[in-house]
Every structure is written in C-alpha cells, then in structure tokens.
Amino acid sequence: MNTVKKLRLSVLDQTPVGEDHTPDQALRASVDLARAAEDLGYTRYWAAEHHDSPGFASSAPEILAGALLAHTSRMRIGTGGVLLPRYDPAKVAEVFGVLASLHPGRVDLGIGRAGGPARDFPQRLTQLRALLGEGGVVPHAPVPPQMWLLGAGRESARLAGLLGTEFAFGHFFSPTGGREAFEDYRAEFRTTTGGRAGGALAVRVVTADSAGRAEELAQSLLLWRARKDLGQDGPLPSYETTRRHRWTGAELERAKVHRTALVCGAPEQVHAALTALAATHGVDELIINTLTCDPADRQRSYELLAEAFGLPASRPQTPVGASRS
C-alpha cells in the first residue's frame, strides 16, 4: 500500500467507558493504549478533559498525562485539552512547568475554551503563555511545554495565529469550516510571527479488519452519540446491545448528523479518506480519536491505521492489559 510522505498520526484519547466496564478500567486501558501507540510510531498522545459524563473517565487530563509520561519514553504527551475557563492560569502553568521539567521536550499543553465563561479567554490564554515563558512560574522548565489552542471555528484559529501557538481543528466537532479556519490561522500567524504555521486536524475514526466489522463498531458509537444528544448519556454500548436496539426516529436523525464527522471502513478505505482530508486542510498531522466499547477494538483500530500509513514502529506493540517491566 502506498504511504503518504510526512503525514504524521497522533492520538486524542477521551478515555471511553464501555458498558460492563468501569472508569478505573478505562483509565488503565488508556495507559495500555499509550504504550502501544508509542511502539506503533504515533507522534503524540493527548488526554481529553470531560466532566459529569458516564461515557468518559478523563476528568483530570493533567494527571493522566503525568501517568502516561511515566509509562512512555519518546512520544510527546499532553492534553487535548485543559479547559482554561475552569482554572487559574497560574496553576495550569505550574502544573505543566513541573511536567515539562520532569520530561523535557515531550510535553504538549493543549488548551480548550469550553467549561465556563469565555469572554476573558484571550486574556487568560495570554497570561498563561507569559507564565510559561522566561521569568514566569517556578519551576521554569528548560524546554517549556508546546502550547496548542484547540477549536472548531475561525475565532480560535485567528487567536492561535495571533499568539503564535500551534492550532488543532476539531473536525469531529465540526466537519465543515476547517479549511477556512486554517486559512485564517496561517494568515494571522504569518503576519504576527513571520514564520510558517503548522496545525493538525483532529478526526474521529473507526477501522477494523473488515469494512463490516468497522460498521458494527460505528453503529455502537453512533447510538451512544445519538443518545447523548437526546439527554441519555451513558457508557458506550456494545455491538450486541446495539444490534438488539430498536432505533427511534430521533436517534436515527442524530446518528445521521454525526455520521458526517466519522471516517469509518476497512483500513484502505480509511487511509484514502484521511489522506484526502489532510490534503484538503493543508495539514501534515492527523490526531485520531477512536471510541469503542471494548478497549481491544480501539487498540486494533490504531494498529491497523499505523500499518496502513506505514508509521515507523519502534518495537512490537504492547497487548491490551499487558504490563511493561
């Protein structure tokens, strides 16, 4: 299979909780997946932040990031992202100053604007950036964390360009508008810094050993997302639960909406779709978000993607649930 030169893959992990699984099992599965992702050649691994959702276990991404840094050795680790309106910028800077001091050159600080009033978000972000710079917080890391602004619109893109930070567009939140957002980001970035902007596209993906199996996994994901929209938030259902489920009209309507933000199929189909998305948005990095009920299906999806894109695997992948001495 032909590979795409310079196209990097990374992981956005929302630490999904499947039915008949517990949050602590989901957190341990994230550690296992991070180990495997490093072995498979992924560039970075981000822990998301969610609150009051039975389907996600990652409510403290900075803590999870610290654990993942301790269980990996080369891959960049960070957040995708810390919801800055919830926190004092000084405290965020201190936490990531410690992480970056302990793991120099490996820490990403992804910032989101959800979680509270956003009217002073630009000021909070500017303050945080200053605190991470020379003369800022103690400890001052020899290699400061790389700051990313996460968003799904043009306002966040312009702000990232103005501040000269990296920018990741959430295609899985908004499958349209990404091209325009990146255009704004790059234009503002050039004007502000005179340099070349990068950027990454975050995409929700499900693949499996066959297109049929991928579709089964996708149906479970879409049922979970439709229910969430309709106020029935819960763990991700298994395929067996989904197969027995009698879909309502409202659920089918919501699933149809979310289908447009999902890349699903056999590895060669997903490879072609992701390659096209990267080219359309002018990015050389895709941050892959995969949600399944069973952690083994999630890890297998990332394994197949790594193989399809010819990622530079460094050692045999760590099986789900295995420990590394």
C-alpha atoms as a PDB file:
ATOM      1  CA  MET A   1       0.000   0.000   0.000  1.00  0.00           C
ATOM      2  CA  ASN A   2       1.329   3.466  -0.854  1.00  0.00           C
ATOM      3  CA  THR A   3       2.087   5.664   2.145  1.00  0.00           C
ATOM      4  CA  VAL A   4       1.809   9.419   2.486  1.00  0.00           C
ATOM      5  CA  LYS A   5       5.147  11.168   2.939  1.00  0.00           C
ATOM      6  CA  LYS A   6       5.452  13.282   6.060  1.00  0.00           C
ATOM      7  CA  LEU A   7       1.871  12.647   7.162  1.00  0.00           C
ATOM      8  CA  ARG A   8       2.004  12.035  10.904  1.00  0.00           C
ATOM      9  CA  LEU A   9      -0.638  10.379  13.059  1.00  0.00           C
ATOM     10  CA  SER A  10      -1.349  11.165  16.704  1.00  0.00           C
ATOM     11  CA  VAL A  11      -3.937  10.092  19.290  1.00  0.00           C
ATOM     12  CA  LEU A  12      -6.689  12.046  21.021  1.00  0.00           C
ATOM     13  CA  ASP A  13      -7.892   9.851  23.877  1.00  0.00           C
ATOM     14  CA  GLN A  14     -11.201  10.624  25.590  1.00  0.00           C
ATOM     15  CA  THR A  15     -10.785   7.515  27.792  1.00  0.00           C
ATOM     16  CA  PRO A  16     -14.131   5.962  26.801  1.00  0.00           C
ATOM     17  CA  VAL A  17     -16.016   3.801  29.283  1.00  0.00           C
ATOM     18  CA  GLY A  18     -17.856   0.894  27.679  1.00  0.00           C
ATOM     19  CA  GLU A  19     -20.863  -0.843  29.159  1.00  0.00           C
ATOM     20  CA  ASP A  20     -19.818  -3.566  31.612  1.00  0.00           C
ATOM     21  CA  HIS A  21     -16.546  -1.658  32.107  1.00  0.00           C
ATOM     22  CA  THR A  22     -15.589   0.688  34.931  1.00  0.00           C
ATOM     23  CA  PRO A  23     -13.853   4.098  34.828  1.00  0.00           C
ATOM     24  CA  ASP A  24     -10.727   2.703  36.501  1.00  0.00           C
ATOM     25  CA  GLN A  25     -10.531   0.014  33.809  1.00  0.00           C
ATOM     26  CA  ALA A  26     -10.893   2.721  31.165  1.00  0.00           C
ATOM     27  CA  LEU A  27      -8.027   4.711  32.671  1.00  0.00           C
ATOM     28  CA  ARG A  28      -5.765   1.676  32.725  1.00  0.00           C
ATOM     29  CA  ALA A  29      -6.751   0.977  29.103  1.00  0.00           C
ATOM     30  CA  SER A  30      -5.543   4.487  28.231  1.00  0.00           C
ATOM     31  CA  VAL A  31      -2.144   3.693  29.722  1.00  0.00           C
ATOM     32  CA  ASP A  32      -2.006   0.471  27.708  1.00  0.00           C
ATOM     33  CA  LEU A  33      -3.014   2.288  24.533  1.00  0.00           C
ATOM     34  CA  ALA A  34      -0.379   4.987  25.034  1.00  0.00           C
ATOM     35  CA  ARG A  35       2.323   2.345  25.357  1.00  0.00           C
ATOM     36  CA  ALA A  36       1.097   0.662  22.200  1.00  0.00           C
ATOM     37  CA  ALA A  37       0.816   3.976  20.315  1.00  0.00           C
ATOM     38  CA  GLU A  38       4.443   4.779  21.106  1.00  0.00           C
ATOM     39  CA  ASP A  39       5.537   1.370  19.856  1.00  0.00           C
ATOM     40  CA  LEU A  40       3.454   1.838  16.701  1.00  0.00           C
ATOM     41  CA  GLY A  41       5.053   5.178  15.776  1.00  0.00           C
ATOM     42  CA  TYR A  42       2.385   7.747  16.676  1.00  0.00           C
ATOM     43  CA  THR A  43       3.730  11.276  17.129  1.00  0.00           C
ATOM     44  CA  ARG A  44       1.821  12.476  20.192  1.00  0.00           C
ATOM     45  CA  TYR A  45      -0.857  11.303  22.603  1.00  0.00           C
ATOM     46  CA  TRP A  46      -3.355  13.698  24.184  1.00  0.00           C
ATOM     47  CA  ALA A  47      -5.705  13.145  27.109  1.00  0.00           C
ATOM     48  CA  ALA A  48      -9.031  14.959  26.805  1.00  0.00           C
ATOM     49  CA  GLU A  49     -10.974  16.642  29.609  1.00  0.00           C
ATOM     50  CA  HIS A  50     -14.621  15.776  30.275  1.00  0.00           C
ATOM     51  CA  HIS A  51     -16.807  16.147  33.339  1.00  0.00           C
ATOM     52  CA  ASP A  52     -20.041  14.525  34.529  1.00  0.00           C
ATOM     53  CA  SER A  53     -20.198  12.081  31.627  1.00  0.00           C
ATOM     54  CA  PRO A  54     -20.615   8.330  32.271  1.00  0.00           C
ATOM     55  CA  GLY A  55     -19.028   7.649  28.881  1.00  0.00           C
ATOM     56  CA  PHE A  56     -15.652   9.291  29.641  1.00  0.00           C
ATOM     57  CA  ALA A  57     -13.231   8.747  32.530  1.00  0.00           C
ATOM     58  CA  SER A  58     -10.705  11.520  31.848  1.00  0.00           C
ATOM     59  CA  SER A  59     -11.751  14.362  34.144  1.00  0.00           C
ATOM     60  CA  ALA A  60      -8.188  15.386  35.070  1.00  0.00           C
ATOM     61  CA  PRO A  61      -6.099  15.256  31.878  1.00  0.00           C
ATOM     62  CA  GLU A  62      -3.015  16.762  33.505  1.00  0.00           C
ATOM     63  CA  ILE A  63      -2.938  13.846  35.976  1.00  0.00           C
ATOM     64  CA  LEU A  64      -3.453  11.283  33.234  1.00  0.00           C
ATOM     65  CA  ALA A  65      -0.763  12.984  31.128  1.00  0.00           C
ATOM     66  CA  GLY A  66       1.675  12.629  34.022  1.00  0.00           C
ATOM     67  CA  ALA A  67       0.922   8.916  34.262  1.00  0.00           C
ATOM     68  CA  LEU A  68       1.311   8.472  30.510  1.00  0.00           C
ATOM     69  CA  LEU A  69       4.653  10.305  30.540  1.00  0.00           C
ATOM     70  CA  ALA A  70       5.848   7.930  33.246  1.00  0.00           C
ATOM     71  CA  HIS A  71       4.829   4.863  31.194  1.00  0.00           C
ATOM     72  CA  THR A  72       6.325   6.012  27.873  1.00  0.00           C
ATOM     73  CA  SER A  73       9.755   7.291  26.899  1.00  0.00           C
ATOM     74  CA  ARG A  74       9.755   9.019  23.496  1.00  0.00           C
ATOM     75  CA  MET A  75       6.305  10.042  22.277  1.00  0.00           C
ATOM     76  CA  ARG A  76       5.023  13.545  23.039  1.00  0.00           C
ATOM     77  CA  ILE A  77       2.292  13.505  25.691  1.00  0.00           C
ATOM     78  CA  GLY A  78      -0.179  16.227  26.588  1.00  0.00           C
ATOM     79  CA  THR A  79      -3.739  17.406  26.897  1.00  0.00           C
ATOM     80  CA  GLY A  80      -6.430  17.841  24.347  1.00  0.00           C
ATOM     81  CA  GLY A  81      -7.226  19.899  26.191  1.00  0.00           C
ATOM     82  CA  VAL A  82      -7.243  21.660  29.530  1.00  0.00           C
ATOM     83  CA  LEU A  83     -10.461  23.713  29.735  1.00  0.00           C
ATOM     84  CA  LEU A  84      -8.862  27.008  30.710  1.00  0.00           C
ATOM     85  CA  PRO A  85     -12.037  28.898  31.780  1.00  0.00           C
ATOM     86  CA  ARG A  86     -12.287  26.469  34.716  1.00  0.00           C
ATOM     87  CA  TYR A  87      -8.821  27.171  36.105  1.00  0.00           C
ATOM     88  CA  ASP A  88      -6.371  29.786  37.337  1.00  0.00           C
ATOM     89  CA  PRO A  89      -3.771  30.238  34.551  1.00  0.00           C
ATOM     90  CA  ALA A  90      -1.002  30.376  37.163  1.00  0.00           C
ATOM     91  CA  LYS A  91      -1.920  26.925  38.468  1.00  0.00           C
ATOM     92  CA  VAL A  92      -2.033  25.466  34.950  1.00  0.00           C
ATOM     93  CA  ALA A  93       1.403  26.961  34.266  1.00  0.00           C
ATOM     94  CA  GLU A  94       2.802  25.479  37.480  1.00  0.00           C
ATOM     95  CA  VAL A  95       1.446  22.004  36.721  1.00  0.00           C
ATOM     96  CA  PHE A  96       2.844  21.962  33.218  1.00  0.00           C
ATOM     97  CA  GLY A  97       6.088  23.533  34.363  1.00  0.00           C
ATOM     98  CA  VAL A  98       6.576  20.522  36.619  1.00  0.00           C
ATOM     99  CA  LEU A  99       5.650  18.040  33.882  1.00  0.00           C
ATOM    100  CA  ALA A 100       7.958  19.698  31.359  1.00  0.00           C
ATOM    101  CA  SER A 101      10.817  19.820  33.895  1.00  0.00           C
ATOM    102  CA  LEU A 102      10.496  16.105  34.554  1.00  0.00           C
ATOM    103  CA  HIS A 103      10.034  15.196  30.865  1.00  0.00           C
ATOM    104  CA  PRO A 104      11.839  17.883  28.826  1.00  0.00           C
ATOM    105  CA  GLY A 105      10.872  18.129  25.177  1.00  0.00           C
ATOM    106  CA  ARG A 106       7.915  15.736  25.472  1.00  0.00           C
ATOM    107  CA  VAL A 107       5.052  17.802  26.915  1.00  0.00           C
ATOM    108  CA  ASP A 108       2.178  19.391  24.992  1.00  0.00           C
ATOM    109  CA  LEU A 109      -0.285  21.795  26.608  1.00  0.00           C
ATOM    110  CA  GLY A 110      -3.486  21.759  24.586  1.00  0.00           C
ATOM    111  CA  ILE A 111      -5.992  24.414  25.682  1.00  0.00           C
ATOM    112  CA  GLY A 112      -9.755  24.497  25.125  1.00  0.00           C
ATOM    113  CA  ARG A 113     -12.156  27.365  25.733  1.00  0.00           C
ATOM    114  CA  ALA A 114     -15.151  25.330  26.933  1.00  0.00           C
ATOM    115  CA  GLY A 115     -16.053  24.778  30.559  1.00  0.00           C
ATOM    116  CA  GLY A 116     -17.048  28.280  31.639  1.00  0.00           C
ATOM    117  CA  PRO A 117     -17.496  31.909  30.545  1.00  0.00           C
ATOM    118  CA  ALA A 118     -15.242  32.564  27.569  1.00  0.00           C
ATOM    119  CA  ARG A 119     -15.360  36.349  27.473  1.00  0.00           C
ATOM    120  CA  ASP A 120     -11.898  36.708  29.065  1.00  0.00           C
ATOM    121  CA  PHE A 121     -10.434  33.619  27.375  1.00  0.00           C
ATOM    122  CA  PRO A 122      -7.937  35.563  25.202  1.00  0.00           C
ATOM    123  CA  GLN A 123      -6.600  37.381  28.270  1.00  0.00           C
ATOM    124  CA  ARG A 124      -6.305  34.131  30.251  1.00  0.00           C
ATOM    125  CA  LEU A 125      -4.522  32.456  27.365  1.00  0.00           C
ATOM    126  CA  THR A 126      -2.111  35.382  27.003  1.00  0.00           C
ATOM    127  CA  GLN A 127      -1.400  35.265  30.739  1.00  0.00           C
ATOM    128  CA  LEU A 128      -0.758  31.524  30.635  1.00  0.00           C
ATOM    129  CA  ARG A 129       1.626  31.885  27.704  1.00  0.00           C
ATOM    130  CA  ALA A 130       3.581  34.587  29.543  1.00  0.00           C
ATOM    131  CA  LEU A 131       3.788  32.486  32.707  1.00  0.00           C
ATOM    132  CA  LEU A 132       5.317  29.613  30.750  1.00  0.00           C
ATOM    133  CA  GLY A 133       7.979  31.900  29.290  1.00  0.00           C
ATOM    134  CA  GLU A 134      11.279  33.130  30.679  1.00  0.00           C
ATOM    135  CA  GLY A 135      10.841  34.693  34.113  1.00  0.00           C
ATOM    136  CA  GLY A 136       7.465  33.050  34.582  1.00  0.00           C
ATOM    137  CA  VAL A 137       6.430  30.340  37.011  1.00  0.00           C
ATOM    138  CA  VAL A 138       8.652  28.175  39.177  1.00  0.00           C
ATOM    139  CA  PRO A 139       9.796  25.682  38.129  1.00  0.00           C
ATOM    140  CA  HIS A 140      10.738  27.138  34.775  1.00  0.00           C
ATOM    141  CA  ALA A 141      11.209  24.135  32.519  1.00  0.00           C
ATOM    142  CA  PRO A 142      14.396  24.007  30.396  1.00  0.00           C
ATOM    143  CA  VAL A 143      12.145  23.083  27.467  1.00  0.00           C
ATOM    144  CA  PRO A 144       8.710  24.673  28.013  1.00  0.00           C
ATOM    145  CA  PRO A 145       5.610  22.714  27.020  1.00  0.00           C
ATOM    146  CA  GLN A 146       4.435  23.285  23.482  1.00  0.00           C
ATOM    147  CA  MET A 147       1.165  25.197  23.595  1.00  0.00           C
ATOM    148  CA  TRP A 148      -1.714  24.264  21.321  1.00  0.00           C
ATOM    149  CA  LEU A 149      -5.024  26.051  21.016  1.00  0.00           C
ATOM    150  CA  LEU A 150      -7.895  23.697  20.201  1.00  0.00           C
ATOM    151  CA  GLY A 151     -11.020  24.834  18.439  1.00  0.00           C
ATOM    152  CA  ALA A 152     -13.692  24.192  15.843  1.00  0.00           C
ATOM    153  CA  GLY A 153     -14.140  27.681  14.453  1.00  0.00           C
ATOM    154  CA  ARG A 154     -12.407  30.656  12.920  1.00  0.00           C
ATOM    155  CA  GLU A 155     -12.222  32.727  16.102  1.00  0.00           C
ATOM    156  CA  SER A 156      -9.988  30.214  17.863  1.00  0.00           C
ATOM    157  CA  ALA A 157      -7.919  29.840  14.709  1.00  0.00           C
ATOM    158  CA  ARG A 158      -7.270  33.580  14.482  1.00  0.00           C
ATOM    159  CA  LEU A 159      -6.388  33.734  18.173  1.00  0.00           C
ATOM    160  CA  ALA A 160      -3.882  30.898  17.798  1.00  0.00           C
ATOM    161  CA  GLY A 161      -2.284  32.695  14.868  1.00  0.00           C
ATOM    162  CA  LEU A 162      -2.178  35.994  16.749  1.00  0.00           C
ATOM    163  CA  LEU A 163      -0.442  34.378  19.739  1.00  0.00           C
ATOM    164  CA  GLY A 164       1.854  32.251  17.584  1.00  0.00           C
ATOM    165  CA  THR A 165       0.734  28.950  19.131  1.00  0.00           C
ATOM    166  CA  GLU A 166       0.016  25.660  17.419  1.00  0.00           C
ATOM    167  CA  PHE A 167      -3.603  25.056  16.393  1.00  0.00           C
ATOM    168  CA  ALA A 168      -5.701  21.898  16.149  1.00  0.00           C
ATOM    169  CA  PHE A 169      -9.103  21.963  14.457  1.00  0.00           C
ATOM    170  CA  GLY A 170     -11.751  19.564  15.772  1.00  0.00           C
ATOM    171  CA  HIS A 171     -13.173  18.013  12.618  1.00  0.00           C
ATOM    172  CA  PHE A 172     -15.105  15.534  14.791  1.00  0.00           C
ATOM    173  CA  PHE A 173     -16.906  18.505  16.376  1.00  0.00           C
ATOM    174  CA  SER A 174     -17.430  20.385  13.126  1.00  0.00           C
ATOM    175  CA  PRO A 175     -16.735  18.576   9.838  1.00  0.00           C
ATOM    176  CA  THR A 176     -17.138  21.827   7.886  1.00  0.00           C
ATOM    177  CA  GLY A 177     -15.284  25.091   8.191  1.00  0.00           C
ATOM    178  CA  GLY A 178     -11.843  23.618   8.777  1.00  0.00           C
ATOM    179  CA  ARG A 179     -10.283  24.909   5.564  1.00  0.00           C
ATOM    180  CA  GLU A 180     -11.350  28.471   6.307  1.00  0.00           C
ATOM    181  CA  ALA A 181     -10.157  28.194   9.913  1.00  0.00           C
ATOM    182  CA  PHE A 182      -6.709  27.043   8.835  1.00  0.00           C
ATOM    183  CA  GLU A 183      -6.522  29.810   6.240  1.00  0.00           C
ATOM    184  CA  ASP A 184      -7.232  32.379   8.960  1.00  0.00           C
ATOM    185  CA  TYR A 185      -4.738  30.753  11.313  1.00  0.00           C
ATOM    186  CA  ARG A 186      -1.938  30.730   8.761  1.00  0.00           C
ATOM    187  CA  ALA A 187      -2.607  34.264   7.587  1.00  0.00           C
ATOM    188  CA  GLU A 188      -2.587  35.630  11.152  1.00  0.00           C
ATOM    189  CA  PHE A 189       0.442  33.522  12.077  1.00  0.00           C
ATOM    190  CA  ARG A 190       2.495  34.859   9.148  1.00  0.00           C
ATOM    191  CA  THR A 191       1.511  38.428   9.960  1.00  0.00           C
ATOM    192  CA  THR A 192       2.366  38.031  13.651  1.00  0.00           C
ATOM    193  CA  THR A 193       5.500  35.874  13.605  1.00  0.00           C
ATOM    194  CA  GLY A 194       6.716  35.898  10.020  1.00  0.00           C
ATOM    195  CA  GLY A 195       7.058  32.122  10.286  1.00  0.00           C
ATOM    196  CA  ARG A 196       5.285  29.124   8.837  1.00  0.00           C
ATOM    197  CA  ALA A 197       2.277  27.805  10.733  1.00  0.00           C
ATOM    198  CA  GLY A 198       1.733  24.091  11.163  1.00  0.00           C
ATOM    199  CA  GLY A 199      -1.503  22.821  12.606  1.00  0.00           C
ATOM    200  CA  ALA A 200      -3.266  19.484  12.919  1.00  0.00           C
ATOM    201  CA  LEU A 201      -6.717  18.100  12.187  1.00  0.00           C
ATOM    202  CA  ALA A 202      -8.490  16.015  14.851  1.00  0.00           C
ATOM    203  CA  VAL A 203     -10.654  13.346  13.190  1.00  0.00           C
ATOM    204  CA  ARG A 204     -12.931  10.638  14.605  1.00  0.00           C
ATOM    205  CA  VAL A 205     -12.039   7.297  13.024  1.00  0.00           C
ATOM    206  CA  VAL A 206     -13.132   3.674  13.319  1.00  0.00           C
ATOM    207  CA  THR A 207     -11.425   0.931  11.357  1.00  0.00           C
ATOM    208  CA  ALA A 208     -11.232  -2.839  11.750  1.00  0.00           C
ATOM    209  CA  ASP A 209     -10.042  -5.920   9.895  1.00  0.00           C
ATOM    210  CA  SER A 210     -13.072  -5.683   7.610  1.00  0.00           C
ATOM    211  CA  ALA A 211     -15.462  -2.977   6.500  1.00  0.00           C
ATOM    212  CA  GLY A 212     -18.315  -4.951   8.046  1.00  0.00           C
ATOM    213  CA  ARG A 213     -16.704  -5.082  11.469  1.00  0.00           C
ATOM    214  CA  ALA A 214     -15.856  -1.371  11.268  1.00  0.00           C
ATOM    215  CA  GLU A 215     -19.503  -0.619  10.551  1.00  0.00           C
ATOM    216  CA  GLU A 216     -20.601  -2.655  13.565  1.00  0.00           C
ATOM    217  CA  LEU A 217     -18.301  -0.587  15.784  1.00  0.00           C
ATOM    218  CA  ALA A 218     -19.517   2.612  14.141  1.00  0.00           C
ATOM    219  CA  GLN A 219     -23.152   1.741  14.817  1.00  0.00           C
ATOM    220  CA  SER A 220     -22.408   1.413  18.539  1.00  0.00           C
ATOM    221  CA  LEU A 221     -20.586   4.733  18.538  1.00  0.00           C
ATOM    222  CA  LEU A 222     -23.418   6.462  16.681  1.00  0.00           C
ATOM    223  CA  LEU A 223     -26.047   5.045  19.019  1.00  0.00           C
ATOM    224  CA  TRP A 224     -24.089   6.300  22.027  1.00  0.00           C
ATOM    225  CA  ARG A 225     -23.701   9.768  20.463  1.00  0.00           C
ATOM    226  CA  ALA A 226     -27.365   9.992  19.450  1.00  0.00           C
ATOM    227  CA  ARG A 227     -28.477   9.067  22.952  1.00  0.00           C
ATOM    228  CA  LYS A 228     -26.091  11.631  24.425  1.00  0.00           C
ATOM    229  CA  ASP A 229     -27.620  14.342  22.246  1.00  0.00           C
ATOM    230  CA  LEU A 230     -31.074  13.336  23.452  1.00  0.00           C
ATOM    231  CA  GLY A 231     -30.171  13.546  27.141  1.00  0.00           C
ATOM    232  CA  GLN A 232     -29.467   9.835  27.696  1.00  0.00           C
ATOM    233  CA  ASP A 233     -25.761   9.995  28.420  1.00  0.00           C
ATOM    234  CA  GLY A 234     -24.187   6.675  29.345  1.00  0.00           C
ATOM    235  CA  PRO A 235     -21.320   4.278  28.674  1.00  0.00           C
ATOM    236  CA  LEU A 236     -20.619   3.212  25.105  1.00  0.00           C
ATOM    237  CA  PRO A 237     -22.906   0.305  24.167  1.00  0.00           C
ATOM    238  CA  SER A 238     -21.555  -2.983  22.896  1.00  0.00           C
ATOM    239  CA  TYR A 239     -22.341  -4.238  19.404  1.00  0.00           C
ATOM    240  CA  GLU A 240     -24.691  -6.826  20.928  1.00  0.00           C
ATOM    241  CA  THR A 241     -26.655  -4.094  22.680  1.00  0.00           C
ATOM    242  CA  THR A 242     -26.725  -2.015  19.519  1.00  0.00           C
ATOM    243  CA  ARG A 243     -27.821  -4.951  17.376  1.00  0.00           C
ATOM    244  CA  ARG A 244     -30.820  -5.582  19.626  1.00  0.00           C
ATOM    245  CA  HIS A 245     -31.722  -1.915  19.912  1.00  0.00           C
ATOM    246  CA  ARG A 246     -34.818  -0.550  18.160  1.00  0.00           C
ATOM    247  CA  TRP A 247     -33.777   2.874  16.956  1.00  0.00           C
ATOM    248  CA  THR A 248     -36.191   5.762  17.364  1.00  0.00           C
ATOM    249  CA  GLY A 249     -36.666   8.355  14.667  1.00  0.00           C
ATOM    250  CA  ALA A 250     -34.894  10.961  16.777  1.00  0.00           C
ATOM    251  CA  GLU A 251     -31.929   8.640  17.318  1.00  0.00           C
ATOM    252  CA  LEU A 252     -31.643   7.921  13.607  1.00  0.00           C
ATOM    253  CA  GLU A 253     -31.721  11.628  12.850  1.00  0.00           C
ATOM    254  CA  ARG A 254     -28.924  12.393  15.328  1.00  0.00           C
ATOM    255  CA  ALA A 255     -26.864   9.441  14.097  1.00  0.00           C
ATOM    256  CA  LYS A 256     -27.138  10.734  10.535  1.00  0.00           C
ATOM    257  CA  VAL A 257     -25.774  14.108  11.649  1.00  0.00           C
ATOM    258  CA  HIS A 258     -22.807  12.572  13.433  1.00  0.00           C
ATOM    259  CA  ARG A 259     -22.054  10.170  10.592  1.00  0.00           C
ATOM    260  CA  THR A 260     -20.752  13.148   8.581  1.00  0.00           C
ATOM    261  CA  ALA A 261     -17.946  13.642  11.127  1.00  0.00           C
ATOM    262  CA  LEU A 262     -16.909   9.974  11.231  1.00  0.00           C
ATOM    263  CA  VAL A 263     -14.366   8.238   8.997  1.00  0.00           C
ATOM    264  CA  CYS A 264     -15.194   4.543   9.004  1.00  0.00           C
ATOM    265  CA  GLY A 265     -14.293   1.491   6.973  1.00  0.00           C
ATOM    266  CA  ALA A 266     -11.600  -1.041   6.183  1.00  0.00           C
ATOM    267  CA  PRO A 267      -8.024   0.257   6.553  1.00  0.00           C
ATOM    268  CA  GLU A 268      -7.548   1.012   2.865  1.00  0.00           C
ATOM    269  CA  GLN A 269     -10.818   2.980   2.781  1.00  0.00           C
ATOM    270  CA  VAL A 270      -9.890   4.963   5.873  1.00  0.00           C
ATOM    271  CA  HIS A 271      -6.390   5.583   4.537  1.00  0.00           C
ATOM    272  CA  ALA A 272      -7.811   7.132   1.370  1.00  0.00           C
ATOM    273  CA  ALA A 273     -10.347   9.275   3.253  1.00  0.00           C
ATOM    274  CA  LEU A 274      -7.822  10.559   5.782  1.00  0.00           C
ATOM    275  CA  THR A 275      -5.253  11.308   3.109  1.00  0.00           C
ATOM    276  CA  ALA A 276      -7.846  13.389   1.274  1.00  0.00           C
ATOM    277  CA  LEU A 277      -8.828  15.236   4.464  1.00  0.00           C
ATOM    278  CA  ALA A 278      -5.214  16.093   5.231  1.00  0.00           C
ATOM    279  CA  ALA A 279      -4.693  17.420   1.711  1.00  0.00           C
ATOM    280  CA  THR A 280      -7.921  19.431   1.782  1.00  0.00           C
ATOM    281  CA  HIS A 281      -6.958  21.120   5.055  1.00  0.00           C
ATOM    282  CA  GLY A 282      -3.275  21.523   4.213  1.00  0.00           C
ATOM    283  CA  VAL A 283      -2.017  19.672   7.300  1.00  0.00           C
ATOM    284  CA  ASP A 284       0.681  17.070   7.735  1.00  0.00           C
ATOM    285  CA  GLU A 285      -0.643  15.710  11.027  1.00  0.00           C
ATOM    286  CA  LEU A 286      -3.916  13.994  11.881  1.00  0.00           C
ATOM    287  CA  ILE A 287      -4.945  13.495  15.500  1.00  0.00           C
ATOM    288  CA  ILE A 288      -7.071  10.365  15.581  1.00  0.00           C
ATOM    289  CA  ASN A 289      -9.955   9.929  18.022  1.00  0.00           C
ATOM    290  CA  THR A 290     -11.450   6.438  18.254  1.00  0.00           C
ATOM    291  CA  LEU A 291     -14.263   5.404  20.603  1.00  0.00           C
ATOM    292  CA  THR A 292     -15.288   1.786  21.105  1.00  0.00           C
ATOM    293  CA  CYS A 293     -16.922  -0.175  23.899  1.00  0.00           C
ATOM    294  CA  ASP A 294     -14.080  -2.704  24.101  1.00  0.00           C
ATOM    295  CA  PRO A 295     -10.507  -1.371  24.516  1.00  0.00           C
ATOM    296  CA  ALA A 296      -9.223  -4.225  22.345  1.00  0.00           C
ATOM    297  CA  ASP A 297     -11.241  -2.944  19.367  1.00  0.00           C
ATOM    298  CA  ARG A 298      -9.880   0.559  19.928  1.00  0.00           C
ATOM    299  CA  GLN A 299      -6.273  -0.612  20.047  1.00  0.00           C
ATOM    300  CA  ARG A 300      -6.782  -2.770  16.951  1.00  0.00           C
ATOM    301  CA  SER A 301      -8.100   0.280  15.085  1.00  0.00           C
ATOM    302  CA  TYR A 302      -4.930   2.229  15.906  1.00  0.00           C
ATOM    303  CA  GLU A 303      -2.749  -0.747  14.957  1.00  0.00           C
ATOM    304  CA  LEU A 304      -4.403  -1.011  11.541  1.00  0.00           C
ATOM    305  CA  LEU A 305      -4.046   2.731  10.938  1.00  0.00           C
ATOM    306  CA  ALA A 306      -0.360   2.600  11.801  1.00  0.00           C
ATOM    307  CA  GLU A 307       0.111  -0.249   9.342  1.00  0.00           C
ATOM    308  CA  ALA A 308      -1.896   1.464   6.595  1.00  0.00           C
ATOM    309  CA  PHE A 309       0.136   4.674   6.896  1.00  0.00           C
ATOM    310  CA  GLY A 310       3.465   2.934   7.319  1.00  0.00           C
ATOM    311  CA  LEU A 311       4.283   4.536  10.655  1.00  0.00           C
ATOM    312  CA  PRO A 312       7.832   3.885  11.885  1.00  0.00           C
ATOM    313  CA  ALA A 313       7.130   1.260  14.538  1.00  0.00           C
ATOM    314  CA  SER A 314       9.955   1.048  17.053  1.00  0.00           C
ATOM    315  CA  ARG A 315       9.248  -2.267  18.769  1.00  0.00           C
ATOM    316  CA  PRO A 316       6.460  -4.871  18.951  1.00  0.00           C
ATOM    317  CA  GLN A 317       3.234  -3.359  20.246  1.00  0.00           C
ATOM    318  CA  THR A 318       2.160  -3.996  23.826  1.00  0.00           C
ATOM    319  CA  PRO A 319      -1.038  -6.097  24.019  1.00  0.00           C
ATOM    320  CA  VAL A 320      -4.058  -4.659  25.830  1.00  0.00           C
ATOM    321  CA  GLY A 321      -3.788  -5.347  29.546  1.00  0.00           C
ATOM    322  CA  ALA A 322      -0.105  -6.287  29.458  1.00  0.00           C
ATOM    323  CA  SER A 323       2.441  -4.741  31.798  1.00  0.00           C
ATOM    324  CA  ARG A 324       5.820  -3.414  30.807  1.00  0.00           C
ATOM    325  CA  SER A 325       8.663  -4.026  33.232  1.00  0.00           C
END
